[in-house]
Amino acid sequence: MRLLIVEDDRKVSRFIRKALQAEGHAVDVAYDGQTALAQAREIDYDLVVLDLMLPELPGLEVLQRVRQDKPNLPVIVLTCPVFCTK
């Protein structure tokens, strides 16, 4: 499977990427919403793991725009609660 991780926290994205690669998946990472949207539109991913709090373009907007172009693309939303610190 080809996966896209969208997470601006590099430690978190590295952790998720390593775990998914260990399971045999091809994994790309985007650190901001604009880059994520461009990659999701250009590449045929099997799944997107999406953080909501992103620089450049919020995660919910990324999700809405991706849904317009690729309504069947599975997206898992992972985010930290407001009281969580990075």
Protein backbone atom coordinates (compact mmCIF):
# COMPACT_ATOMS: atom_id res chain seq x y z
CA MET A 1 0.00 0.00 0.00
CA ARG A 2 1.11 3.56 -0.66
CA LEU A 3 0.33 5.88 2.24
CA LEU A 4 0.56 9.60 2.93
CA ILE A 5 1.21 10.87 6.44
CA VAL A 6 0.31 14.52 6.98
CA GLU A 7 1.82 15.66 10.26
CA ASP A 8 3.82 18.79 11.04
CA ASP A 9 5.45 17.36 14.17
CA ARG A 10 8.52 15.64 12.74
CA LYS A 11 8.98 13.28 15.70
CA VAL A 12 5.40 12.06 15.42
CA SER A 13 5.58 11.71 11.64
CA ARG A 14 8.86 9.75 11.91
CA PHE A 15 7.31 7.41 14.47
CA ILE A 16 4.25 6.73 12.32
CA ARG A 17 6.33 6.39 9.14
CA LYS A 18 8.72 3.86 10.69
CA ALA A 19 5.86 1.76 12.05
CA LEU A 20 4.08 1.67 8.70
CA GLN A 21 7.27 0.98 6.75
CA ALA A 22 8.04 -1.90 9.11
CA GLU A 23 4.72 -3.40 7.99
CA GLY A 24 5.84 -3.16 4.37
CA HIS A 25 4.03 0.00 3.26
CA ALA A 26 5.46 2.71 1.02
CA VAL A 27 5.11 5.94 2.99
CA ASP A 28 5.35 9.60 1.97
CA VAL A 29 5.22 12.46 4.47
CA ALA A 30 3.90 16.02 4.12
CA TYR A 31 4.55 18.56 6.87
CA ASP A 32 1.96 21.17 5.89
CA GLY A 33 -1.52 21.32 4.39
CA GLN A 34 -0.57 22.82 1.02
CA THR A 35 2.04 20.15 0.33
CA ALA A 36 -0.33 17.42 1.49
CA LEU A 37 -3.08 18.60 -0.81
CA ALA A 38 -0.73 18.74 -3.79
CA GLN A 39 0.62 15.25 -3.10
CA ALA A 40 -2.83 13.76 -2.51
CA ARG A 41 -4.06 15.18 -5.81
CA GLU A 42 -1.01 14.06 -7.78
CA ILE A 43 -0.33 10.58 -6.37
CA ASP A 44 -2.73 7.64 -6.08
CA TYR A 45 -2.52 6.88 -2.37
CA ASP A 46 -4.34 3.97 -0.77
CA LEU A 47 -4.72 5.83 2.55
CA VAL A 48 -4.00 9.22 4.12
CA VAL A 49 -3.20 9.69 7.81
CA LEU A 50 -4.11 13.33 8.48
CA ASP A 51 -3.45 15.66 11.38
CA LEU A 52 -5.95 18.51 11.74
CA MET A 53 -3.67 21.21 13.10
CA LEU A 54 -1.33 22.03 10.22
CA PRO A 55 0.54 25.07 8.94
CA GLU A 56 -0.33 26.61 5.55
CA LEU A 57 -3.75 24.93 5.24
CA PRO A 58 -5.81 23.39 8.07
CA GLY A 59 -6.36 19.64 8.03
CA LEU A 60 -10.16 19.93 7.70
CA GLU A 61 -9.73 22.04 4.58
CA VAL A 62 -7.26 19.51 3.18
CA LEU A 63 -9.84 16.80 3.84
CA GLN A 64 -12.65 18.74 2.17
CA ARG A 65 -10.59 19.48 -0.93
CA VAL A 66 -9.29 15.92 -1.23
CA ARG A 67 -12.87 14.64 -0.92
CA GLN A 68 -13.88 16.79 -3.91
CA ASP A 69 -11.23 15.16 -6.11
CA LYS A 70 -11.03 11.68 -4.60
CA PRO A 71 -14.21 10.92 -2.66
CA ASN A 72 -13.27 7.26 -2.09
CA LEU A 73 -9.78 7.85 -0.72
CA PRO A 74 -9.69 6.54 2.88
CA VAL A 75 -8.50 9.11 5.43
CA ILE A 76 -7.67 8.48 9.08
CA VAL A 77 -7.73 11.67 11.14
CA LEU A 78 -5.26 11.75 14.01
CA THR A 79 -4.97 14.84 16.12
CA CYS A 80 -3.90 15.95 19.55
CA PRO A 81 -6.54 17.37 21.91
CA VAL A 82 -6.35 21.09 22.66
CA PHE A 83 -4.74 20.45 26.04
CA CYS A 84 -2.00 18.30 24.50
CA THR A 85 1.40 19.89 24.05
CA LYS A 86 3.84 18.96 21.34
